[in-house]
PDB file of N, CA and C in Angstrom:
ATOM      1  N   UNK A   1      23.794  -4.256  31.017  1.00  0.00           N
ATOM      2  CA  UNK A   1      24.263  -5.585  30.692  1.00  0.00           C
ATOM      3  C   UNK A   1      25.503  -5.460  29.810  1.00  0.00           C
ATOM      4  N   UNK A   2      26.570  -6.163  30.166  1.00  0.00           N
ATOM      5  CA  UNK A   2      27.801  -6.148  29.380  1.00  0.00           C
ATOM      6  C   UNK A   2      27.712  -7.153  28.246  1.00  0.00           C
ATOM      7  N   UNK A   3      28.186  -6.739  27.087  1.00  0.00           N
ATOM      8  CA  UNK A   3      28.221  -7.645  25.944  1.00  0.00           C
ATOM      9  C   UNK A   3      29.381  -8.615  26.113  1.00  0.00           C
ATOM     10  N   UNK A   4      29.192  -9.815  25.664  1.00  0.00           N
ATOM     11  CA  UNK A   4      30.243 -10.818  25.699  1.00  0.00           C
ATOM     12  C   UNK A   4      31.313 -10.451  24.685  1.00  0.00           C
ATOM     13  N   UNK A   5      32.536 -10.362  25.132  1.00  0.00           N
ATOM     14  CA  UNK A   5      33.646 -10.053  24.241  1.00  0.00           C
ATOM     15  C   UNK A   5      34.402 -11.350  23.975  1.00  0.00           C
ATOM     16  N   UNK A   6      34.455 -11.707  22.724  1.00  0.00           N
ATOM     17  CA  UNK A   6      35.145 -12.925  22.315  1.00  0.00           C
ATOM     18  C   UNK A   6      36.550 -12.543  21.885  1.00  0.00           C
ATOM     19  N   UNK A   7      37.522 -13.304  22.296  1.00  0.00           N
ATOM     20  CA  UNK A   7      38.911 -13.015  21.968  1.00  0.00           C
ATOM     21  C   UNK A   7      39.172 -13.010  20.472  1.00  0.00           C
ATOM     22  N   UNK A   8      40.100 -12.173  20.058  1.00  0.00           N
ATOM     23  CA  UNK A   8      40.432 -12.025  18.633  1.00  0.00           C
ATOM     24  C   UNK A   8      40.852 -13.352  18.011  1.00  0.00           C
ATOM     25  N   UNK A   9      41.702 -14.083  18.704  1.00  0.00           N
ATOM     26  CA  UNK A   9      42.173 -15.345  18.146  1.00  0.00           C
ATOM     27  C   UNK A   9      41.036 -16.344  17.984  1.00  0.00           C
ATOM     28  N   UNK A  10      40.107 -16.332  18.908  1.00  0.00           N
ATOM     29  CA  UNK A  10      38.941 -17.222  18.810  1.00  0.00           C
ATOM     30  C   UNK A  10      38.106 -16.838  17.582  1.00  0.00           C
ATOM     31  N   UNK A  11      37.921 -15.538  17.366  1.00  0.00           N
ATOM     32  CA  UNK A  11      37.161 -15.084  16.204  1.00  0.00           C
ATOM     33  C   UNK A  11      37.870 -15.444  14.901  1.00  0.00           C
ATOM     34  N   UNK A  12      39.166 -15.206  14.855  1.00  0.00           N
ATOM     35  CA  UNK A  12      39.924 -15.528  13.647  1.00  0.00           C
ATOM     36  C   UNK A  12      39.881 -17.029  13.376  1.00  0.00           C
ATOM     37  N   UNK A  13      40.083 -17.825  14.413  1.00  0.00           N
ATOM     38  CA  UNK A  13      39.997 -19.278  14.255  1.00  0.00           C
ATOM     39  C   UNK A  13      38.603 -19.694  13.787  1.00  0.00           C
ATOM     40  N   UNK A  14      37.581 -19.013  14.298  1.00  0.00           N
ATOM     41  CA  UNK A  14      36.208 -19.313  13.898  1.00  0.00           C
ATOM     42  C   UNK A  14      35.956 -19.007  12.430  1.00  0.00           C
ATOM     43  N   UNK A  15      36.493 -17.890  11.950  1.00  0.00           N
ATOM     44  CA  UNK A  15      36.346 -17.520  10.537  1.00  0.00           C
ATOM     45  C   UNK A  15      37.024 -18.568   9.660  1.00  0.00           C
ATOM     46  N   UNK A  16      38.231 -18.967  10.030  1.00  0.00           N
ATOM     47  CA  UNK A  16      38.954 -19.962   9.242  1.00  0.00           C
ATOM     48  C   UNK A  16      38.259 -21.317   9.281  1.00  0.00           C
ATOM     49  N   UNK A  17      37.758 -21.703  10.445  1.00  0.00           N
ATOM     50  CA  UNK A  17      37.038 -22.978  10.564  1.00  0.00           C
ATOM     51  C   UNK A  17      35.741 -22.946   9.754  1.00  0.00           C
ATOM     52  N   UNK A  18      35.045 -21.809   9.773  1.00  0.00           N
ATOM     53  CA  UNK A  18      33.810 -21.685   8.992  1.00  0.00           C
ATOM     54  C   UNK A  18      34.108 -21.803   7.505  1.00  0.00           C
ATOM     55  N   UNK A  19      35.213 -21.220   7.076  1.00  0.00           N
ATOM     56  CA  UNK A  19      35.591 -21.304   5.674  1.00  0.00           C
ATOM     57  C   UNK A  19      35.851 -22.752   5.278  1.00  0.00           C
ATOM     58  N   UNK A  20      36.562 -23.490   6.106  1.00  0.00           N
ATOM     59  CA  UNK A  20      36.817 -24.899   5.843  1.00  0.00           C
ATOM     60  C   UNK A  20      35.507 -25.685   5.802  1.00  0.00           C
ATOM     61  N   UNK A  21      34.615 -25.370   6.712  1.00  0.00           N
ATOM     62  CA  UNK A  21      33.318 -26.041   6.774  1.00  0.00           C
ATOM     63  C   UNK A  21      32.512 -25.766   5.501  1.00  0.00           C
ATOM     64  N   UNK A  22      32.546 -24.535   5.019  1.00  0.00           N
ATOM     65  CA  UNK A  22      31.831 -24.169   3.790  1.00  0.00           C
ATOM     66  C   UNK A  22      32.355 -25.002   2.619  1.00  0.00           C
ATOM     67  N   UNK A  23      33.667 -25.118   2.508  1.00  0.00           N
ATOM     68  CA  UNK A  23      34.270 -25.907   1.424  1.00  0.00           C
ATOM     69  C   UNK A  23      33.760 -27.344   1.480  1.00  0.00           C
ATOM     70  N   UNK A  24      33.745 -27.924   2.667  1.00  0.00           N
ATOM     71  CA  UNK A  24      33.257 -29.301   2.825  1.00  0.00           C
ATOM     72  C   UNK A  24      31.771 -29.420   2.495  1.00  0.00           C
ATOM     73  N   UNK A  25      30.978 -28.462   2.931  1.00  0.00           N
ATOM     74  CA  UNK A  25      29.536 -28.507   2.667  1.00  0.00           C
ATOM     75  C   UNK A  25      29.250 -28.400   1.176  1.00  0.00           C
ATOM     76  N   UNK A  26      29.941 -27.502   0.511  1.00  0.00           N
ATOM     77  CA  UNK A  26      29.751 -27.342  -0.937  1.00  0.00           C
ATOM     78  C   UNK A  26      30.223 -28.599  -1.660  1.00  0.00           C
ATOM     79  N   UNK A  27      31.312 -29.169  -1.192  1.00  0.00           N
ATOM     80  CA  UNK A  27      31.810 -30.407  -1.795  1.00  0.00           C
ATOM     81  C   UNK A  27      30.809 -31.543  -1.713  1.00  0.00           C
ATOM     82  N   UNK A  28      29.999 -31.542  -0.669  1.00  0.00           N
ATOM     83  CA  UNK A  28      28.945 -32.552  -0.509  1.00  0.00           C
ATOM     84  C   UNK A  28      27.650 -32.142  -1.205  1.00  0.00           C
ATOM     85  N   UNK A  29      27.627 -30.922  -1.721  1.00  0.00           N
ATOM     86  CA  UNK A  29      26.410 -30.425  -2.358  1.00  0.00           C
ATOM     87  C   UNK A  29      25.367 -29.937  -1.372  1.00  0.00           C
ATOM     88  N   UNK A  30      25.772 -29.664  -0.156  1.00  0.00           N
ATOM     89  CA  UNK A  30      24.850 -29.201   0.898  1.00  0.00           C
ATOM     90  C   UNK A  30      24.820 -27.681   0.907  1.00  0.00           C
ATOM     91  N   UNK A  31      24.152 -27.118  -0.082  1.00  0.00           N
ATOM     92  CA  UNK A  31      24.123 -25.669  -0.284  1.00  0.00           C
ATOM     93  C   UNK A  31      23.384 -24.953   0.840  1.00  0.00           C
ATOM     94  N   UNK A  32      22.354 -25.564   1.372  1.00  0.00           N
ATOM     95  CA  UNK A  32      21.586 -24.928   2.447  1.00  0.00           C
ATOM     96  C   UNK A  32      22.463 -24.741   3.692  1.00  0.00           C
ATOM     97  N   UNK A  33      23.213 -25.771   4.047  1.00  0.00           N
ATOM     98  CA  UNK A  33      24.110 -25.654   5.200  1.00  0.00           C
ATOM     99  C   UNK A  33      25.230 -24.653   4.923  1.00  0.00           C
ATOM    100  N   UNK A  34      25.729 -24.653   3.694  1.00  0.00           N
ATOM    101  CA  UNK A  34      26.785 -23.703   3.329  1.00  0.00           C
ATOM    102  C   UNK A  34      26.288 -22.273   3.477  1.00  0.00           C
ATOM    103  N   UNK A  35      25.055 -22.011   3.060  1.00  0.00           N
ATOM    104  CA  UNK A  35      24.490 -20.662   3.215  1.00  0.00           C
ATOM    105  C   UNK A  35      24.430 -20.259   4.683  1.00  0.00           C
ATOM    106  N   UNK A  36      24.058 -21.188   5.555  1.00  0.00           N
ATOM    107  CA  UNK A  36      23.992 -20.898   6.992  1.00  0.00           C
ATOM    108  C   UNK A  36      25.388 -20.625   7.539  1.00  0.00           C
ATOM    109  N   UNK A  37      26.349 -21.411   7.119  1.00  0.00           N
ATOM    110  CA  UNK A  37      27.718 -21.225   7.603  1.00  0.00           C
ATOM    111  C   UNK A  37      28.293 -19.902   7.107  1.00  0.00           C
ATOM    112  N   UNK A  38      27.952 -19.505   5.884  1.00  0.00           N
ATOM    113  CA  UNK A  38      28.378 -18.201   5.368  1.00  0.00           C
ATOM    114  C   UNK A  38      27.828 -17.092   6.264  1.00  0.00           C
ATOM    115  N   UNK A  39      26.560 -17.203   6.639  1.00  0.00           N
ATOM    116  CA  UNK A  39      25.951 -16.197   7.522  1.00  0.00           C
ATOM    117  C   UNK A  39      26.648 -16.184   8.885  1.00  0.00           C
ATOM    118  N   UNK A  40      26.960 -17.361   9.409  1.00  0.00           N
ATOM    119  CA  UNK A  40      27.664 -17.442  10.690  1.00  0.00           C
ATOM    120  C   UNK A  40      29.043 -16.793  10.585  1.00  0.00           C
ATOM    121  N   UNK A  41      29.720 -17.022   9.457  1.00  0.00           N
ATOM    122  CA  UNK A  41      31.056 -16.445   9.260  1.00  0.00           C
ATOM    123  C   UNK A  41      30.976 -14.923   9.195  1.00  0.00           C
ATOM    124  N   UNK A  42      29.913 -14.405   8.566  1.00  0.00           N
ATOM    125  CA  UNK A  42      29.730 -12.942   8.512  1.00  0.00           C
ATOM    126  C   UNK A  42      29.629 -12.354   9.913  1.00  0.00           C
ATOM    127  N   UNK A  43      28.906 -13.040  10.798  1.00  0.00           N
ATOM    128  CA  UNK A  43      28.760 -12.572  12.185  1.00  0.00           C
ATOM    129  C   UNK A  43      30.126 -12.519  12.862  1.00  0.00           C
ATOM    130  N   UNK A  44      30.922 -13.556  12.671  1.00  0.00           N
ATOM    131  CA  UNK A  44      32.264 -13.571  13.265  1.00  0.00           C
ATOM    132  C   UNK A  44      33.114 -12.428  12.722  1.00  0.00           C
ATOM    133  N   UNK A  45      33.045 -12.197  11.408  1.00  0.00           N
ATOM    134  CA  UNK A  45      33.811 -11.099  10.812  1.00  0.00           C
ATOM    135  C   UNK A  45      33.343  -9.743  11.339  1.00  0.00           C
ATOM    136  N   UNK A  46      32.038  -9.590  11.530  1.00  0.00           N
ATOM    137  CA  UNK A  46      31.504  -8.332  12.077  1.00  0.00           C
ATOM    138  C   UNK A  46      31.994  -8.121  13.508  1.00  0.00           C
ATOM    139  N   UNK A  47      31.991  -9.182  14.308  1.00  0.00           N
ATOM    140  CA  UNK A  47      32.477  -9.068  15.685  1.00  0.00           C
ATOM    141  C   UNK A  47      33.959  -8.720  15.702  1.00  0.00           C
ATOM    142  N   UNK A  48      34.706  -9.314  14.798  1.00  0.00           N
ATOM    143  CA  UNK A  48      36.134  -9.024  14.703  1.00  0.00           C
ATOM    144  C   UNK A  48      36.368  -7.569  14.308  1.00  0.00           C
ATOM    145  N   UNK A  49      35.572  -7.071  13.385  1.00  0.00           N
ATOM    146  CA  UNK A  49      35.718  -5.692  12.919  1.00  0.00           C
ATOM    147  C   UNK A  49      35.391  -4.678  14.021  1.00  0.00           C
ATOM    148  N   UNK A  50      34.544  -5.051  14.959  1.00  0.00           N
ATOM    149  CA  UNK A  50      34.150  -4.138  16.041  1.00  0.00           C
ATOM    150  C   UNK A  50      35.235  -3.998  17.108  1.00  0.00           C
ATOM    151  N   UNK A  51      36.151  -4.934  17.146  1.00  0.00           N
ATOM    152  CA  UNK A  51      37.206  -4.881  18.157  1.00  0.00           C
ATOM    153  C   UNK A  51      38.325  -3.957  17.704  1.00  0.00           C
ATOM    154  N   UNK A  52      39.015  -3.431  18.662  1.00  0.00           N
ATOM    155  CA  UNK A  52      40.147  -2.543  18.379  1.00  0.00           C
ATOM    156  C   UNK A  52      41.260  -3.347  17.716  1.00  0.00           C
ATOM    157  N   UNK A  53      41.681  -2.942  16.512  1.00  0.00           N
ATOM    158  CA  UNK A  53      42.746  -3.695  15.837  1.00  0.00           C
ATOM    159  C   UNK A  53      44.070  -3.559  16.573  1.00  0.00           C
ATOM    160  N   UNK A  54      44.853  -4.584  16.486  1.00  0.00           N
ATOM    161  CA  UNK A  54      46.179  -4.561  17.091  1.00  0.00           C
ATOM    162  C   UNK A  54      47.171  -4.026  16.066  1.00  0.00           C
ATOM    163  N   UNK A  55      48.330  -3.613  16.542  1.00  0.00           N
ATOM    164  CA  UNK A  55      49.346  -3.027  15.663  1.00  0.00           C
ATOM    165  C   UNK A  55      49.667  -3.963  14.497  1.00  0.00           C
ATOM    166  N   UNK A  56      49.642  -3.415  13.285  1.00  0.00           N
ATOM    167  CA  UNK A  56      49.991  -4.167  12.094  1.00  0.00           C
ATOM    168  C   UNK A  56      48.929  -5.125  11.605  1.00  0.00           C
ATOM    169  N   UNK A  57      47.759  -5.089  12.200  1.00  0.00           N
ATOM    170  CA  UNK A  57      46.734  -6.078  11.893  1.00  0.00           C
ATOM    171  C   UNK A  57      45.795  -5.650  10.765  1.00  0.00           C
ATOM    172  N   UNK A  58      45.799  -4.397  10.398  1.00  0.00           N
ATOM    173  CA  UNK A  58      44.852  -3.904   9.403  1.00  0.00           C
ATOM    174  C   UNK A  58      44.912  -4.683   8.091  1.00  0.00           C
ATOM    175  N   UNK A  59      46.109  -4.926   7.585  1.00  0.00           N
ATOM    176  CA  UNK A  59      46.252  -5.634   6.318  1.00  0.00           C
ATOM    177  C   UNK A  59      45.718  -7.057   6.416  1.00  0.00           C
ATOM    178  N   UNK A  60      45.980  -7.719   7.534  1.00  0.00           N
ATOM    179  CA  UNK A  60      45.508  -9.078   7.731  1.00  0.00           C
ATOM    180  C   UNK A  60      43.981  -9.137   7.749  1.00  0.00           C
ATOM    181  N   UNK A  61      43.372  -8.250   8.515  1.00  0.00           N
ATOM    182  CA  UNK A  61      41.915  -8.251   8.605  1.00  0.00           C
ATOM    183  C   UNK A  61      41.273  -7.891   7.271  1.00  0.00           C
ATOM    184  N   UNK A  62      41.860  -6.963   6.562  1.00  0.00           N
ATOM    185  CA  UNK A  62      41.347  -6.592   5.240  1.00  0.00           C
ATOM    186  C   UNK A  62      41.426  -7.793   4.300  1.00  0.00           C
ATOM    187  N   UNK A  63      42.538  -8.499   4.323  1.00  0.00           N
ATOM    188  CA  UNK A  63      42.701  -9.681   3.471  1.00  0.00           C
ATOM    189  C   UNK A  63      41.708 -10.774   3.850  1.00  0.00           C
ATOM    190  N   UNK A  64      41.463 -10.944   5.141  1.00  0.00           N
ATOM    191  CA  UNK A  64      40.500 -11.943   5.605  1.00  0.00           C
ATOM    192  C   UNK A  64      39.093 -11.599   5.131  1.00  0.00           C
ATOM    193  N   UNK A  65      38.716 -10.343   5.259  1.00  0.00           N
ATOM    194  CA  UNK A  65      37.385  -9.914   4.788  1.00  0.00           C
ATOM    195  C   UNK A  65      37.276 -10.027   3.269  1.00  0.00           C
ATOM    196  N   UNK A  66      38.331  -9.620   2.558  1.00  0.00           N
ATOM    197  CA  UNK A  66      38.317  -9.713   1.094  1.00  0.00           C
ATOM    198  C   UNK A  66      38.180 -11.161   0.631  1.00  0.00           C
ATOM    199  N   UNK A  67      38.907 -12.061   1.285  1.00  0.00           N
ATOM    200  CA  UNK A  67      38.830 -13.474   0.925  1.00  0.00           C
ATOM    201  C   UNK A  67      37.430 -14.028   1.178  1.00  0.00           C
ATOM    202  N   UNK A  68      36.823 -13.618   2.291  1.00  0.00           N
ATOM    203  CA  UNK A  68      35.467 -14.068   2.589  1.00  0.00           C
ATOM    204  C   UNK A  68      34.488 -13.534   1.540  1.00  0.00           C
ATOM    205  N   UNK A  69      34.638 -12.288   1.155  1.00  0.00           N
ATOM    206  CA  UNK A  69      33.754 -11.704   0.133  1.00  0.00           C
ATOM    207  C   UNK A  69      33.921 -12.408  -1.207  1.00  0.00           C
ATOM    208  N   UNK A  70      35.165 -12.699  -1.571  1.00  0.00           N
ATOM    209  CA  UNK A  70      35.420 -13.399  -2.828  1.00  0.00           C
ATOM    210  C   UNK A  70      34.808 -14.797  -2.814  1.00  0.00           C
ATOM    211  N   UNK A  71      34.919 -15.483  -1.689  1.00  0.00           N
ATOM    212  CA  UNK A  71      34.361 -16.830  -1.625  1.00  0.00           C
ATOM    213  C   UNK A  71      32.836 -16.789  -1.682  1.00  0.00           C
ATOM    214  N   UNK A  72      32.226 -15.763  -1.072  1.00  0.00           N
ATOM    215  CA  UNK A  72      30.771 -15.633  -1.159  1.00  0.00           C
ATOM    216  C   UNK A  72      30.324 -15.385  -2.589  1.00  0.00           C
ATOM    217  N   UNK A  73      31.080 -14.560  -3.316  1.00  0.00           N
ATOM    218  CA  UNK A  73      30.746 -14.301  -4.715  1.00  0.00           C
ATOM    219  C   UNK A  73      30.878 -15.582  -5.536  1.00  0.00           C
ATOM    220  N   UNK A  74      31.929 -16.351  -5.287  1.00  0.00           N
ATOM    221  CA  UNK A  74      32.122 -17.611  -6.005  1.00  0.00           C
ATOM    222  C   UNK A  74      31.007 -18.602  -5.682  1.00  0.00           C
ATOM    223  N   UNK A  75      30.619 -18.669  -4.411  1.00  0.00           N
ATOM    224  CA  UNK A  75      29.528 -19.565  -4.017  1.00  0.00           C
ATOM    225  C   UNK A  75      28.221 -19.187  -4.706  1.00  0.00           C
ATOM    226  N   UNK A  76      27.974 -17.896  -4.823  1.00  0.00           N
ATOM    227  CA  UNK A  76      26.746 -17.440  -5.479  1.00  0.00           C
ATOM    228  C   UNK A  76      26.716 -17.907  -6.928  1.00  0.00           C
ATOM    229  N   UNK A  77      27.834 -17.744  -7.634  1.00  0.00           N
ATOM    230  CA  UNK A  77      27.915 -18.176  -9.031  1.00  0.00           C
ATOM    231  C   UNK A  77      27.759 -19.694  -9.121  1.00  0.00           C
ATOM    232  N   UNK A  78      28.472 -20.416  -8.251  1.00  0.00           N
ATOM    233  CA  UNK A  78      28.420 -21.882  -8.275  1.00  0.00           C
ATOM    234  C   UNK A  78      27.023 -22.403  -7.971  1.00  0.00           C
ATOM    235  N   UNK A  79      26.338 -21.774  -7.028  1.00  0.00           N
ATOM    236  CA  UNK A  79      25.018 -22.267  -6.628  1.00  0.00           C
ATOM    237  C   UNK A  79      23.971 -22.052  -7.712  1.00  0.00           C
ATOM    238  N   UNK A  80      24.234 -21.126  -8.620  1.00  0.00           N
ATOM    239  CA  UNK A  80      23.283 -20.839  -9.695  1.00  0.00           C
ATOM    240  C   UNK A  80      23.609 -21.588 -10.979  1.00  0.00           C
ATOM    241  N   UNK A  81      24.756 -22.241 -11.008  1.00  0.00           N
ATOM    242  CA  UNK A  81      25.161 -22.957 -12.213  1.00  0.00           C
ATOM    243  C   UNK A  81      24.307 -24.203 -12.387  1.00  0.00           C
ATOM    244  N   UNK A  82      23.882 -24.496 -13.624  1.00  0.00           N
ATOM    245  CA  UNK A  82      23.038 -25.676 -13.846  1.00  0.00           C
ATOM    246  C   UNK A  82      23.752 -26.989 -13.531  1.00  0.00           C
ATOM    247  N   UNK A  83      25.060 -27.017 -13.650  1.00  0.00           N
ATOM    248  CA  UNK A  83      25.823 -28.247 -13.372  1.00  0.00           C
ATOM    249  C   UNK A  83      26.652 -28.087 -12.099  1.00  0.00           C
ATOM    250  N   UNK A  84      26.080 -27.428 -11.094  1.00  0.00           N
ATOM    251  CA  UNK A  84      26.811 -27.175  -9.851  1.00  0.00           C
ATOM    252  C   UNK A  84      27.155 -28.484  -9.151  1.00  0.00           C
ATOM    253  N   UNK A  85      28.209 -28.475  -8.349  1.00  0.00           N
ATOM    254  CA  UNK A  85      28.587 -29.679  -7.619  1.00  0.00           C
ATOM    255  C   UNK A  85      27.458 -30.161  -6.730  1.00  0.00           C
ATOM    256  N   UNK A  86      27.259 -31.424  -6.671  1.00  0.00           N
ATOM    257  CA  UNK A  86      26.176 -31.999  -5.853  1.00  0.00           C
ATOM    258  C   UNK A  86      26.745 -32.811  -4.729  1.00  0.00           C
TER     259      UNK A  86
END
């Protein structure tokens, strides 16, 4: 059985859309949905990492992964704060 290969641009767009969705969910105080979207974004990043990088793309992908990791760390701190956004 062949695995479904999703195009790089679709994956990148998905990561960016998931990030926007997370911001909106947190803004509404919907932490449970934000956690699910974070997990979905991780899957997209993993699929992107498994594909052969294109010329000059290493820095971009590293920055995308770093930004996602930083946002996850920030979400963790925010979700544990007693006065977190609701």
